[in-house]
Amino acid sequence: MGTTAHSDDLRSRVVAEILAGASRRQAAERFKVSAASAVRWAQLYSQTGGIGPRPRGGKSRSPLEPHAAWLLDLTAAEPDLTLEAIVQRLLAALGLKTSEAAVRRFFKRHAITFKKTLHAAEQDRPDVYDGAFGGWDDSETAMAHMARYSYVESDRSAFEIVRRLLAHLGKMLMQSG
């Protein structure tokens, strides 16, 4: 990758040396920078009056940026949409064919994150609970599921799975006893 920009202090000392009468090459040798840098900094100073580095990087070429307001409104109105659903909405509403990766990068650039978890009000609903833990009729099956998920999920998610598993096992014990 590229290197970082030189400090403004170094740039100003090189330009000051050039303004004091030294050649660009002499100033570059004295401050141990390349002659090309000294030439560029002197040109920048003569053109703009400043010595600060120019902005790095380029303009975003994402086809989603012109539709940023629409996308942000959509996610504010429907925060539970998946990336796939957003891609489909973009195609249907705007005729814009894009990918999940492009949508993910758009959200990353705009510092938008989504956490897909059961809402607190939904955790006690039997249909939601059974959807998450359905078919776990004995502790061996439940432990097998826990072992599988503990390797896949992050530590926090694994903790949540274990917590729910223990609650489920507790319910099974209460029903049998």
C-alpha atoms as a PDB file:
ATOM      1  CA  MET A   1       0.000   0.000   0.000  1.00  0.00           C
ATOM      2  CA  GLY A   2       0.993   3.647  -0.043  1.00  0.00           C
ATOM      3  CA  THR A   3       2.910   5.548   2.564  1.00  0.00           C
ATOM      4  CA  THR A   4       1.596   8.185   4.902  1.00  0.00           C
ATOM      5  CA  ALA A   5       1.883  11.875   4.096  1.00  0.00           C
ATOM      6  CA  HIS A   6       4.852  13.834   5.434  1.00  0.00           C
ATOM      7  CA  SER A   7       4.147  16.156   8.358  1.00  0.00           C
ATOM      8  CA  ASP A   8       3.129  19.748   7.764  1.00  0.00           C
ATOM      9  CA  ASP A   9       6.132  20.816   9.825  1.00  0.00           C
ATOM     10  CA  LEU A  10       8.577  19.117   7.440  1.00  0.00           C
ATOM     11  CA  ARG A  11       6.715  20.463   4.410  1.00  0.00           C
ATOM     12  CA  SER A  12       6.787  24.023   5.763  1.00  0.00           C
ATOM     13  CA  ARG A  13      10.545  23.820   6.521  1.00  0.00           C
ATOM     14  CA  VAL A  14      11.298  22.590   2.983  1.00  0.00           C
ATOM     15  CA  VAL A  15       9.128  25.312   1.404  1.00  0.00           C
ATOM     16  CA  ALA A  16      10.672  27.968   3.676  1.00  0.00           C
ATOM     17  CA  GLU A  17      14.142  26.838   2.576  1.00  0.00           C
ATOM     18  CA  ILE A  18      13.108  27.137  -1.080  1.00  0.00           C
ATOM     19  CA  LEU A  19      11.604  30.597  -0.480  1.00  0.00           C
ATOM     20  CA  ALA A  20      14.850  31.628   1.230  1.00  0.00           C
ATOM     21  CA  GLY A  21      16.709  30.979  -2.036  1.00  0.00           C
ATOM     22  CA  ALA A  22      17.761  27.327  -1.992  1.00  0.00           C
ATOM     23  CA  SER A  23      17.032  25.177  -5.005  1.00  0.00           C
ATOM     24  CA  ARG A  24      14.414  22.489  -4.690  1.00  0.00           C
ATOM     25  CA  ARG A  25      17.082  19.785  -4.850  1.00  0.00           C
ATOM     26  CA  GLN A  26      19.210  21.476  -2.188  1.00  0.00           C
ATOM     27  CA  ALA A  27      16.198  21.795   0.135  1.00  0.00           C
ATOM     28  CA  ALA A  28      15.316  18.152  -0.497  1.00  0.00           C
ATOM     29  CA  GLU A  29      18.857  16.995   0.317  1.00  0.00           C
ATOM     30  CA  ARG A  30      19.018  19.101   3.473  1.00  0.00           C
ATOM     31  CA  PHE A  31      15.753  17.673   4.873  1.00  0.00           C
ATOM     32  CA  LYS A  32      16.311  14.172   3.454  1.00  0.00           C
ATOM     33  CA  VAL A  33      13.197  14.022   1.261  1.00  0.00           C
ATOM     34  CA  SER A  34      12.953  13.322  -2.437  1.00  0.00           C
ATOM     35  CA  ALA A  35      13.473  16.118  -4.928  1.00  0.00           C
ATOM     36  CA  ALA A  36      10.068  15.299  -6.406  1.00  0.00           C
ATOM     37  CA  SER A  37       8.424  15.956  -3.025  1.00  0.00           C
ATOM     38  CA  ALA A  38      10.190  19.310  -2.706  1.00  0.00           C
ATOM     39  CA  VAL A  39       9.059  20.262  -6.214  1.00  0.00           C
ATOM     40  CA  ARG A  40       5.452  19.232  -5.500  1.00  0.00           C
ATOM     41  CA  TRP A  41       5.344  21.089  -2.176  1.00  0.00           C
ATOM     42  CA  ALA A  42       6.770  24.253  -3.756  1.00  0.00           C
ATOM     43  CA  GLN A  43       4.187  24.030  -6.567  1.00  0.00           C
ATOM     44  CA  LEU A  44       1.390  23.419  -4.071  1.00  0.00           C
ATOM     45  CA  TYR A  45       2.488  26.452  -2.058  1.00  0.00           C
ATOM     46  CA  SER A  46       2.649  28.673  -5.157  1.00  0.00           C
ATOM     47  CA  GLN A  47      -0.780  27.488  -6.386  1.00  0.00           C
ATOM     48  CA  THR A  48      -2.740  27.391  -3.130  1.00  0.00           C
ATOM     49  CA  GLY A  49      -0.675  29.210  -0.536  1.00  0.00           C
ATOM     50  CA  GLY A  50      -0.808  26.097   1.632  1.00  0.00           C
ATOM     51  CA  ILE A  51       1.400  23.076   2.139  1.00  0.00           C
ATOM     52  CA  GLY A  52      -1.092  20.555   3.596  1.00  0.00           C
ATOM     53  CA  PRO A  53      -1.469  17.212   1.870  1.00  0.00           C
ATOM     54  CA  ARG A  54      -4.216  16.893  -0.700  1.00  0.00           C
ATOM     55  CA  PRO A  55      -7.135  14.619   0.172  1.00  0.00           C
ATOM     56  CA  ARG A  56      -6.372  10.957  -0.428  1.00  0.00           C
ATOM     57  CA  GLY A  57      -8.656   8.430  -1.979  1.00  0.00           C
ATOM     58  CA  GLY A  58     -11.294   9.117  -4.501  1.00  0.00           C
ATOM     59  CA  LYS A  59     -14.930   9.785  -4.783  1.00  0.00           C
ATOM     60  CA  SER A  60     -17.125   6.822  -3.984  1.00  0.00           C
ATOM     61  CA  ARG A  61     -18.146   5.045  -7.144  1.00  0.00           C
ATOM     62  CA  SER A  62     -20.923   3.101  -5.479  1.00  0.00           C
ATOM     63  CA  PRO A  63     -24.153   3.074  -7.483  1.00  0.00           C
ATOM     64  CA  LEU A  64     -25.956   3.138  -4.118  1.00  0.00           C
ATOM     65  CA  GLU A  65     -24.716   6.599  -3.049  1.00  0.00           C
ATOM     66  CA  PRO A  66     -27.211   8.550  -5.209  1.00  0.00           C
ATOM     67  CA  HIS A  67     -29.959   6.557  -3.466  1.00  0.00           C
ATOM     68  CA  ALA A  68     -28.556   6.967   0.067  1.00  0.00           C
ATOM     69  CA  ALA A  69     -31.581   8.890   1.391  1.00  0.00           C
ATOM     70  CA  TRP A  70     -33.984   6.258   0.017  1.00  0.00           C
ATOM     71  CA  LEU A  71     -31.936   3.400   1.501  1.00  0.00           C
ATOM     72  CA  LEU A  72     -31.614   5.077   4.896  1.00  0.00           C
ATOM     73  CA  ASP A  73     -35.362   5.799   4.970  1.00  0.00           C
ATOM     74  CA  LEU A  74     -36.108   2.189   4.031  1.00  0.00           C
ATOM     75  CA  THR A  75     -33.951   0.778   6.808  1.00  0.00           C
ATOM     76  CA  ALA A  76     -35.377   3.254   9.320  1.00  0.00           C
ATOM     77  CA  ALA A  77     -38.928   2.217   8.392  1.00  0.00           C
ATOM     78  CA  GLU A  78     -38.141  -1.517   8.261  1.00  0.00           C
ATOM     79  CA  PRO A  79     -35.056  -2.225  10.406  1.00  0.00           C
ATOM     80  CA  ASP A  80     -35.471  -6.026  10.254  1.00  0.00           C
ATOM     81  CA  LEU A  81     -34.886  -6.328   6.494  1.00  0.00           C
ATOM     82  CA  THR A  82     -32.129  -8.692   5.451  1.00  0.00           C
ATOM     83  CA  LEU A  83     -29.471  -7.690   2.947  1.00  0.00           C
ATOM     84  CA  GLU A  84     -31.113  -9.965   0.394  1.00  0.00           C
ATOM     85  CA  ALA A  85     -34.479  -8.268   0.933  1.00  0.00           C
ATOM     86  CA  ILE A  86     -32.879  -4.836   0.531  1.00  0.00           C
ATOM     87  CA  VAL A  87     -31.260  -5.945  -2.746  1.00  0.00           C
ATOM     88  CA  GLN A  88     -34.681  -7.122  -3.973  1.00  0.00           C
ATOM     89  CA  ARG A  89     -36.321  -3.834  -2.917  1.00  0.00           C
ATOM     90  CA  LEU A  90     -33.661  -1.857  -4.778  1.00  0.00           C
ATOM     91  CA  LEU A  91     -34.364  -3.842  -7.926  1.00  0.00           C
ATOM     92  CA  ALA A  92     -38.149  -3.598  -7.611  1.00  0.00           C
ATOM     93  CA  ALA A  93     -38.406   0.045  -6.576  1.00  0.00           C
ATOM     94  CA  LEU A  94     -35.485   1.659  -8.376  1.00  0.00           C
ATOM     95  CA  GLY A  95     -34.524  -0.855 -11.055  1.00  0.00           C
ATOM     96  CA  LEU A  96     -31.031  -0.934  -9.554  1.00  0.00           C
ATOM     97  CA  LYS A  97     -29.351  -4.334  -9.782  1.00  0.00           C
ATOM     98  CA  THR A  98     -26.751  -4.695  -7.037  1.00  0.00           C
ATOM     99  CA  SER A  99     -25.319  -7.280  -4.664  1.00  0.00           C
ATOM    100  CA  GLU A 100     -25.528  -7.996  -0.952  1.00  0.00           C
ATOM    101  CA  ALA A 101     -21.827  -7.150  -0.671  1.00  0.00           C
ATOM    102  CA  ALA A 102     -22.414  -3.684  -2.173  1.00  0.00           C
ATOM    103  CA  VAL A 103     -25.256  -3.055   0.289  1.00  0.00           C
ATOM    104  CA  ARG A 104     -23.073  -4.275   3.170  1.00  0.00           C
ATOM    105  CA  ARG A 105     -20.268  -1.889   2.118  1.00  0.00           C
ATOM    106  CA  PHE A 106     -22.780   0.980   1.839  1.00  0.00           C
ATOM    107  CA  PHE A 107     -23.956   0.375   5.407  1.00  0.00           C
ATOM    108  CA  LYS A 108     -20.366   0.091   6.623  1.00  0.00           C
ATOM    109  CA  ARG A 109     -19.468   3.441   5.007  1.00  0.00           C
ATOM    110  CA  HIS A 110     -22.481   5.028   6.678  1.00  0.00           C
ATOM    111  CA  ALA A 111     -21.721   3.340  10.046  1.00  0.00           C
ATOM    112  CA  ILE A 112     -25.057   1.530  10.151  1.00  0.00           C
ATOM    113  CA  THR A 113     -25.191  -1.811  11.933  1.00  0.00           C
ATOM    114  CA  PHE A 114     -28.014  -4.247  12.494  1.00  0.00           C
ATOM    115  CA  LYS A 115     -28.259  -6.893  15.141  1.00  0.00           C
ATOM    116  CA  LYS A 116     -30.738  -9.640  14.368  1.00  0.00           C
ATOM    117  CA  THR A 117     -31.942 -11.039  17.681  1.00  0.00           C
ATOM    118  CA  LEU A 118     -35.251 -11.910  19.218  1.00  0.00           C
ATOM    119  CA  HIS A 119     -36.843  -8.833  20.684  1.00  0.00           C
ATOM    120  CA  ALA A 120     -37.408  -9.031  24.431  1.00  0.00           C
ATOM    121  CA  ALA A 121     -41.185  -9.158  23.972  1.00  0.00           C
ATOM    122  CA  GLU A 122     -40.867 -12.110  21.576  1.00  0.00           C
ATOM    123  CA  GLN A 123     -38.602 -14.296  23.707  1.00  0.00           C
ATOM    124  CA  ASP A 124     -41.430 -15.621  25.864  1.00  0.00           C
ATOM    125  CA  ARG A 125     -43.821 -16.367  22.992  1.00  0.00           C
ATOM    126  CA  PRO A 126     -44.143 -20.160  22.590  1.00  0.00           C
ATOM    127  CA  ASP A 127     -44.191 -20.079  18.780  1.00  0.00           C
ATOM    128  CA  VAL A 128     -40.982 -18.024  18.632  1.00  0.00           C
ATOM    129  CA  TYR A 129     -39.351 -20.091  21.372  1.00  0.00           C
ATOM    130  CA  ASP A 130     -40.257 -23.366  19.626  1.00  0.00           C
ATOM    131  CA  GLY A 131     -38.947 -21.987  16.337  1.00  0.00           C
ATOM    132  CA  ALA A 132     -35.586 -21.402  17.960  1.00  0.00           C
ATOM    133  CA  PHE A 133     -35.500 -24.565  20.083  1.00  0.00           C
ATOM    134  CA  GLY A 134     -38.090 -26.832  18.461  1.00  0.00           C
ATOM    135  CA  GLY A 135     -37.418 -30.550  18.412  1.00  0.00           C
ATOM    136  CA  TRP A 136     -35.206 -30.531  21.475  1.00  0.00           C
ATOM    137  CA  ASP A 137     -37.154 -33.128  23.391  1.00  0.00           C
ATOM    138  CA  ASP A 138     -34.253 -34.462  25.416  1.00  0.00           C
ATOM    139  CA  SER A 139     -31.095 -33.114  26.948  1.00  0.00           C
ATOM    140  CA  GLU A 140     -28.782 -35.088  24.608  1.00  0.00           C
ATOM    141  CA  THR A 141     -30.278 -33.461  21.507  1.00  0.00           C
ATOM    142  CA  ALA A 142     -30.122 -30.072  23.195  1.00  0.00           C
ATOM    143  CA  MET A 143     -26.470 -30.582  24.124  1.00  0.00           C
ATOM    144  CA  ALA A 144     -25.642 -31.614  20.549  1.00  0.00           C
ATOM    145  CA  HIS A 145     -27.222 -28.389  19.262  1.00  0.00           C
ATOM    146  CA  MET A 146     -25.355 -26.365  21.862  1.00  0.00           C
ATOM    147  CA  ALA A 147     -22.023 -27.939  20.873  1.00  0.00           C
ATOM    148  CA  ARG A 148     -22.658 -27.203  17.204  1.00  0.00           C
ATOM    149  CA  TYR A 149     -23.590 -23.573  17.794  1.00  0.00           C
ATOM    150  CA  SER A 150     -20.898 -22.792  20.334  1.00  0.00           C
ATOM    151  CA  TYR A 151     -18.235 -23.184  17.639  1.00  0.00           C
ATOM    152  CA  VAL A 152     -20.083 -21.195  15.000  1.00  0.00           C
ATOM    153  CA  GLU A 153     -21.419 -18.249  16.953  1.00  0.00           C
ATOM    154  CA  SER A 154     -19.460 -15.536  18.696  1.00  0.00           C
ATOM    155  CA  ASP A 155     -18.858 -15.747  22.442  1.00  0.00           C
ATOM    156  CA  ARG A 156     -21.785 -13.473  23.247  1.00  0.00           C
ATOM    157  CA  SER A 157     -24.158 -15.398  20.982  1.00  0.00           C
ATOM    158  CA  ALA A 158     -22.924 -18.701  22.427  1.00  0.00           C
ATOM    159  CA  PHE A 159     -23.615 -17.359  25.904  1.00  0.00           C
ATOM    160  CA  GLU A 160     -27.158 -16.466  24.827  1.00  0.00           C
ATOM    161  CA  ILE A 161     -27.674 -19.946  23.343  1.00  0.00           C
ATOM    162  CA  VAL A 162     -26.443 -21.581  26.536  1.00  0.00           C
ATOM    163  CA  ARG A 163     -28.706 -19.341  28.612  1.00  0.00           C
ATOM    164  CA  ARG A 164     -31.731 -20.282  26.508  1.00  0.00           C
ATOM    165  CA  LEU A 165     -30.716 -23.932  26.501  1.00  0.00           C
ATOM    166  CA  LEU A 166     -30.549 -24.009  30.284  1.00  0.00           C
ATOM    167  CA  ALA A 167     -33.933 -22.304  30.494  1.00  0.00           C
ATOM    168  CA  HIS A 168     -35.324 -24.902  28.062  1.00  0.00           C
ATOM    169  CA  LEU A 169     -33.816 -27.773  30.045  1.00  0.00           C
ATOM    170  CA  GLY A 170     -35.276 -26.264  33.226  1.00  0.00           C
ATOM    171  CA  LYS A 171     -38.728 -26.214  31.640  1.00  0.00           C
ATOM    172  CA  MET A 172     -38.316 -29.839  30.551  1.00  0.00           C
ATOM    173  CA  LEU A 173     -37.362 -30.836  34.089  1.00  0.00           C
ATOM    174  CA  MET A 174     -40.297 -28.930  35.580  1.00  0.00           C
ATOM    175  CA  GLN A 175     -42.721 -30.663  33.198  1.00  0.00           C
ATOM    176  CA  SER A 176     -41.345 -34.151  33.912  1.00  0.00           C
ATOM    177  CA  GLY A 177     -41.225 -33.736  37.673  1.00  0.00           C
END
